[in-house]
Amino acid sequence: MTKAEFVAKVTEKTGSTKADAEKAVNAFLETVTDALKASEKVVFTGFGSFEVTERAAKEGRNPQTGETIHIKATKAPKFKAGKGLKDAVA
C-alpha cells in the first residue's frame, strides 16, 4: 500500500476530506520521525513500537573485489509489532 492509498483509506474510514486526511497522515509521520531523531521510543499499545537501535562498527567485504572494508557504526529505526497486531495478522 502506498502513502496515497493509505490516505484514501483514512479518508474513507473517517469521512474527512482527502486534504485533512493527508495532513493527519503527514503529521503522524513527522511526529514519529521527530521522536526517533531525539532517540525517543514511540509506543502504541497493542499495535507496536518504534525505536532507534545502534549498530556497532564492523568489518565487511566488497563482494566484487574481496577487499576488506570498514563499516562504521550507525543508528537505525526499528519497529516491533505488538500482540494485537500479531494476532490480527495471524
N, C-alpha and C. Protein backbone atom coordinates (compact mmCIF):
# COMPACT_ATOMS: atom_id res chain seq x y z
N MET A 1 0.85 -1.17 0.00
CA MET A 1 0.00 0.00 0.00
C MET A 1 0.89 1.24 0.00
N THR A 2 0.63 2.14 -0.90
CA THR A 2 1.39 3.39 -0.97
C THR A 2 0.80 4.41 -0.02
N LYS A 3 1.52 5.51 0.14
CA LYS A 3 1.03 6.58 1.02
C LYS A 3 -0.29 7.13 0.49
N ALA A 4 -0.42 7.30 -0.82
CA ALA A 4 -1.65 7.82 -1.41
C ALA A 4 -2.82 6.87 -1.15
N GLU A 5 -2.57 5.57 -1.27
CA GLU A 5 -3.63 4.59 -0.98
C GLU A 5 -3.99 4.62 0.50
N PHE A 6 -3.00 4.80 1.35
CA PHE A 6 -3.24 4.89 2.79
C PHE A 6 -4.10 6.11 3.12
N VAL A 7 -3.76 7.24 2.52
CA VAL A 7 -4.54 8.47 2.73
C VAL A 7 -5.98 8.26 2.26
N ALA A 8 -6.18 7.58 1.15
CA ALA A 8 -7.53 7.30 0.64
C ALA A 8 -8.31 6.44 1.63
N LYS A 9 -7.65 5.45 2.24
CA LYS A 9 -8.32 4.59 3.23
C LYS A 9 -8.70 5.38 4.48
N VAL A 10 -7.80 6.27 4.92
CA VAL A 10 -8.10 7.11 6.09
C VAL A 10 -9.28 8.02 5.77
N THR A 11 -9.30 8.58 4.57
CA THR A 11 -10.41 9.43 4.14
C THR A 11 -11.73 8.66 4.19
N GLU A 12 -11.70 7.44 3.68
CA GLU A 12 -12.88 6.59 3.64
C GLU A 12 -13.36 6.23 5.05
N LYS A 13 -12.44 5.88 5.94
CA LYS A 13 -12.81 5.43 7.28
C LYS A 13 -13.26 6.57 8.19
N THR A 14 -12.70 7.78 7.99
CA THR A 14 -13.04 8.89 8.88
C THR A 14 -14.13 9.79 8.32
N GLY A 15 -14.36 9.71 7.03
CA GLY A 15 -15.35 10.58 6.42
C GLY A 15 -14.86 12.02 6.26
N SER A 16 -13.57 12.23 6.45
CA SER A 16 -13.00 13.57 6.31
C SER A 16 -12.61 13.80 4.85
N THR A 17 -12.12 15.00 4.58
CA THR A 17 -11.68 15.30 3.22
C THR A 17 -10.30 14.66 3.01
N LYS A 18 -9.95 14.51 1.75
CA LYS A 18 -8.65 13.94 1.42
C LYS A 18 -7.52 14.83 1.93
N ALA A 19 -7.71 16.14 1.84
CA ALA A 19 -6.70 17.09 2.30
C ALA A 19 -6.49 16.97 3.81
N ASP A 20 -7.58 16.84 4.57
CA ASP A 20 -7.47 16.70 6.02
C ASP A 20 -6.81 15.37 6.39
N ALA A 21 -7.16 14.31 5.68
CA ALA A 21 -6.56 13.00 5.95
C ALA A 21 -5.07 13.03 5.65
N GLU A 22 -4.70 13.69 4.57
CA GLU A 22 -3.27 13.78 4.22
C GLU A 22 -2.51 14.59 5.26
N LYS A 23 -3.10 15.66 5.77
CA LYS A 23 -2.47 16.44 6.84
C LYS A 23 -2.27 15.58 8.08
N ALA A 24 -3.27 14.77 8.42
CA ALA A 24 -3.17 13.92 9.60
C ALA A 24 -2.09 12.86 9.43
N VAL A 25 -2.04 12.24 8.27
CA VAL A 25 -1.02 11.22 8.00
C VAL A 25 0.38 11.84 8.02
N ASN A 26 0.54 13.00 7.40
CA ASN A 26 1.83 13.69 7.40
C ASN A 26 2.24 14.09 8.81
N ALA A 27 1.28 14.56 9.61
CA ALA A 27 1.57 14.94 10.99
C ALA A 27 2.02 13.73 11.80
N PHE A 28 1.36 12.60 11.59
CA PHE A 28 1.74 11.36 12.28
C PHE A 28 3.17 10.96 11.92
N LEU A 29 3.48 10.94 10.63
CA LEU A 29 4.81 10.54 10.18
C LEU A 29 5.89 11.50 10.69
N GLU A 30 5.61 12.79 10.66
CA GLU A 30 6.58 13.78 11.14
C GLU A 30 6.81 13.64 12.64
N THR A 31 5.74 13.38 13.39
CA THR A 31 5.85 13.23 14.84
C THR A 31 6.67 12.01 15.20
N VAL A 32 6.44 10.89 14.53
CA VAL A 32 7.22 9.68 14.79
C VAL A 32 8.67 9.91 14.40
N THR A 33 8.91 10.53 13.26
CA THR A 33 10.27 10.81 12.80
C THR A 33 11.00 11.72 13.78
N ASP A 34 10.34 12.78 14.25
CA ASP A 34 10.97 13.70 15.20
C ASP A 34 11.31 13.00 16.51
N ALA A 35 10.42 12.13 16.98
CA ALA A 35 10.67 11.40 18.22
C ALA A 35 11.87 10.47 18.06
N LEU A 36 11.95 9.78 16.93
CA LEU A 36 13.07 8.87 16.70
C LEU A 36 14.39 9.64 16.55
N LYS A 37 14.34 10.83 15.92
CA LYS A 37 15.54 11.66 15.81
C LYS A 37 16.07 12.03 17.20
N ALA A 38 15.13 12.22 18.15
CA ALA A 38 15.50 12.58 19.52
C ALA A 38 15.78 11.34 20.36
N SER A 39 15.89 10.18 19.72
CA SER A 39 16.16 8.89 20.39
C SER A 39 15.07 8.50 21.38
N GLU A 40 13.84 8.94 21.13
CA GLU A 40 12.71 8.57 21.97
C GLU A 40 12.05 7.33 21.39
N LYS A 41 11.45 6.53 22.25
CA LYS A 41 10.71 5.35 21.82
C LYS A 41 9.24 5.75 21.67
N VAL A 42 8.60 5.33 20.60
CA VAL A 42 7.19 5.62 20.35
C VAL A 42 6.42 4.31 20.48
N VAL A 43 5.46 4.27 21.42
CA VAL A 43 4.74 3.02 21.70
C VAL A 43 3.24 3.20 21.48
N PHE A 44 2.66 2.31 20.69
CA PHE A 44 1.22 2.23 20.51
C PHE A 44 0.80 0.87 21.05
N THR A 45 0.28 0.86 22.27
CA THR A 45 -0.07 -0.39 22.93
C THR A 45 -1.02 -1.21 22.06
N GLY A 46 -0.68 -2.47 21.87
CA GLY A 46 -1.48 -3.36 21.05
C GLY A 46 -1.12 -3.33 19.57
N PHE A 47 -0.47 -2.27 19.14
CA PHE A 47 -0.06 -2.16 17.74
C PHE A 47 1.42 -2.45 17.57
N GLY A 48 2.25 -1.69 18.29
CA GLY A 48 3.69 -1.91 18.20
C GLY A 48 4.47 -0.72 18.68
N SER A 49 5.78 -0.79 18.54
CA SER A 49 6.63 0.30 18.98
C SER A 49 7.73 0.58 17.96
N PHE A 50 8.11 1.84 17.90
CA PHE A 50 9.21 2.30 17.06
C PHE A 50 10.33 2.73 17.99
N GLU A 51 11.56 2.36 17.67
CA GLU A 51 12.70 2.82 18.45
C GLU A 51 13.94 2.86 17.58
N VAL A 52 14.98 3.49 18.10
CA VAL A 52 16.25 3.59 17.39
C VAL A 52 17.22 2.59 18.02
N THR A 53 17.85 1.80 17.17
CA THR A 53 18.87 0.87 17.65
C THR A 53 20.22 1.29 17.10
N GLU A 54 21.26 0.94 17.82
CA GLU A 54 22.61 1.28 17.39
C GLU A 54 23.29 0.03 16.84
N ARG A 55 23.89 0.18 15.69
CA ARG A 55 24.64 -0.91 15.08
C ARG A 55 26.13 -0.62 15.26
N ALA A 56 26.84 -1.57 15.79
CA ALA A 56 28.27 -1.39 16.04
C ALA A 56 29.05 -1.38 14.73
N ALA A 57 30.23 -0.80 14.79
CA ALA A 57 31.13 -0.82 13.63
C ALA A 57 31.58 -2.26 13.39
N LYS A 58 31.82 -2.60 12.14
CA LYS A 58 32.25 -3.96 11.84
C LYS A 58 33.07 -3.98 10.56
N GLU A 59 33.69 -5.10 10.32
CA GLU A 59 34.46 -5.30 9.10
C GLU A 59 33.56 -6.01 8.09
N GLY A 60 33.58 -5.55 6.85
CA GLY A 60 32.80 -6.15 5.78
C GLY A 60 33.72 -6.52 4.63
N ARG A 61 33.12 -7.05 3.58
CA ARG A 61 33.91 -7.46 2.43
C ARG A 61 33.21 -6.99 1.16
N ASN A 62 33.97 -6.38 0.26
CA ASN A 62 33.45 -5.96 -1.03
C ASN A 62 33.26 -7.24 -1.86
N PRO A 63 32.01 -7.55 -2.27
CA PRO A 63 31.78 -8.79 -2.98
C PRO A 63 32.44 -8.88 -4.36
N GLN A 64 32.73 -7.75 -4.98
CA GLN A 64 33.35 -7.77 -6.31
C GLN A 64 34.86 -8.00 -6.24
N THR A 65 35.50 -7.36 -5.26
CA THR A 65 36.95 -7.46 -5.20
C THR A 65 37.46 -8.34 -4.07
N GLY A 66 36.60 -8.63 -3.08
CA GLY A 66 37.02 -9.41 -1.93
C GLY A 66 37.78 -8.59 -0.91
N GLU A 67 37.93 -7.30 -1.19
CA GLU A 67 38.67 -6.41 -0.31
C GLU A 67 37.91 -6.20 1.01
N THR A 68 38.62 -6.23 2.13
CA THR A 68 38.02 -5.97 3.43
C THR A 68 37.82 -4.47 3.59
N ILE A 69 36.62 -4.09 4.05
CA ILE A 69 36.30 -2.68 4.25
C ILE A 69 35.78 -2.48 5.66
N HIS A 70 35.89 -1.27 6.16
CA HIS A 70 35.38 -0.93 7.49
C HIS A 70 33.99 -0.33 7.33
N ILE A 71 33.03 -0.87 8.05
CA ILE A 71 31.67 -0.34 8.05
C ILE A 71 31.48 0.38 9.38
N LYS A 72 31.21 1.69 9.35
CA LYS A 72 31.14 2.48 10.57
C LYS A 72 29.85 2.21 11.35
N ALA A 73 29.87 2.56 12.63
CA ALA A 73 28.71 2.41 13.49
C ALA A 73 27.61 3.35 13.00
N THR A 74 26.36 2.94 13.19
CA THR A 74 25.24 3.75 12.72
C THR A 74 24.02 3.51 13.60
N LYS A 75 23.04 4.36 13.46
CA LYS A 75 21.75 4.20 14.14
C LYS A 75 20.72 3.83 13.09
N ALA A 76 19.76 2.98 13.48
CA ALA A 76 18.73 2.56 12.52
C ALA A 76 17.38 2.48 13.23
N PRO A 77 16.30 2.89 12.55
CA PRO A 77 14.98 2.76 13.15
C PRO A 77 14.55 1.30 13.13
N LYS A 78 13.74 0.93 14.14
CA LYS A 78 13.28 -0.45 14.26
C LYS A 78 11.82 -0.43 14.69
N PHE A 79 11.03 -1.32 14.11
CA PHE A 79 9.63 -1.47 14.51
C PHE A 79 9.43 -2.87 15.07
N LYS A 80 8.78 -2.94 16.20
CA LYS A 80 8.46 -4.23 16.81
C LYS A 80 6.94 -4.31 16.94
N ALA A 81 6.35 -5.30 16.28
CA ALA A 81 4.89 -5.45 16.30
C ALA A 81 4.41 -5.86 17.68
N GLY A 82 3.27 -5.32 18.10
CA GLY A 82 2.65 -5.67 19.36
C GLY A 82 1.76 -6.89 19.22
N LYS A 83 1.30 -7.39 20.35
CA LYS A 83 0.48 -8.61 20.38
C LYS A 83 -0.80 -8.46 19.56
N GLY A 84 -1.48 -7.33 19.69
CA GLY A 84 -2.72 -7.11 18.97
C GLY A 84 -2.53 -7.18 17.46
N LEU A 85 -1.47 -6.58 16.96
CA LEU A 85 -1.17 -6.59 15.53
C LEU A 85 -0.80 -8.00 15.08
N LYS A 86 0.03 -8.67 15.87
CA LYS A 86 0.43 -10.03 15.53
C LYS A 86 -0.79 -10.96 15.46
N ASP A 87 -1.69 -10.83 16.43
CA ASP A 87 -2.89 -11.68 16.44
C ASP A 87 -3.80 -11.36 15.26
N ALA A 88 -3.91 -10.08 14.89
CA ALA A 88 -4.78 -9.69 13.78
C ALA A 88 -4.25 -10.23 12.45
N VAL A 89 -2.94 -10.25 12.29
CA VAL A 89 -2.34 -10.72 11.06
C VAL A 89 -2.39 -12.24 10.96
N ALA A 90 -2.20 -12.89 12.09
CA ALA A 90 -2.19 -14.36 12.11
C ALA A 90 -3.59 -14.83 11.90
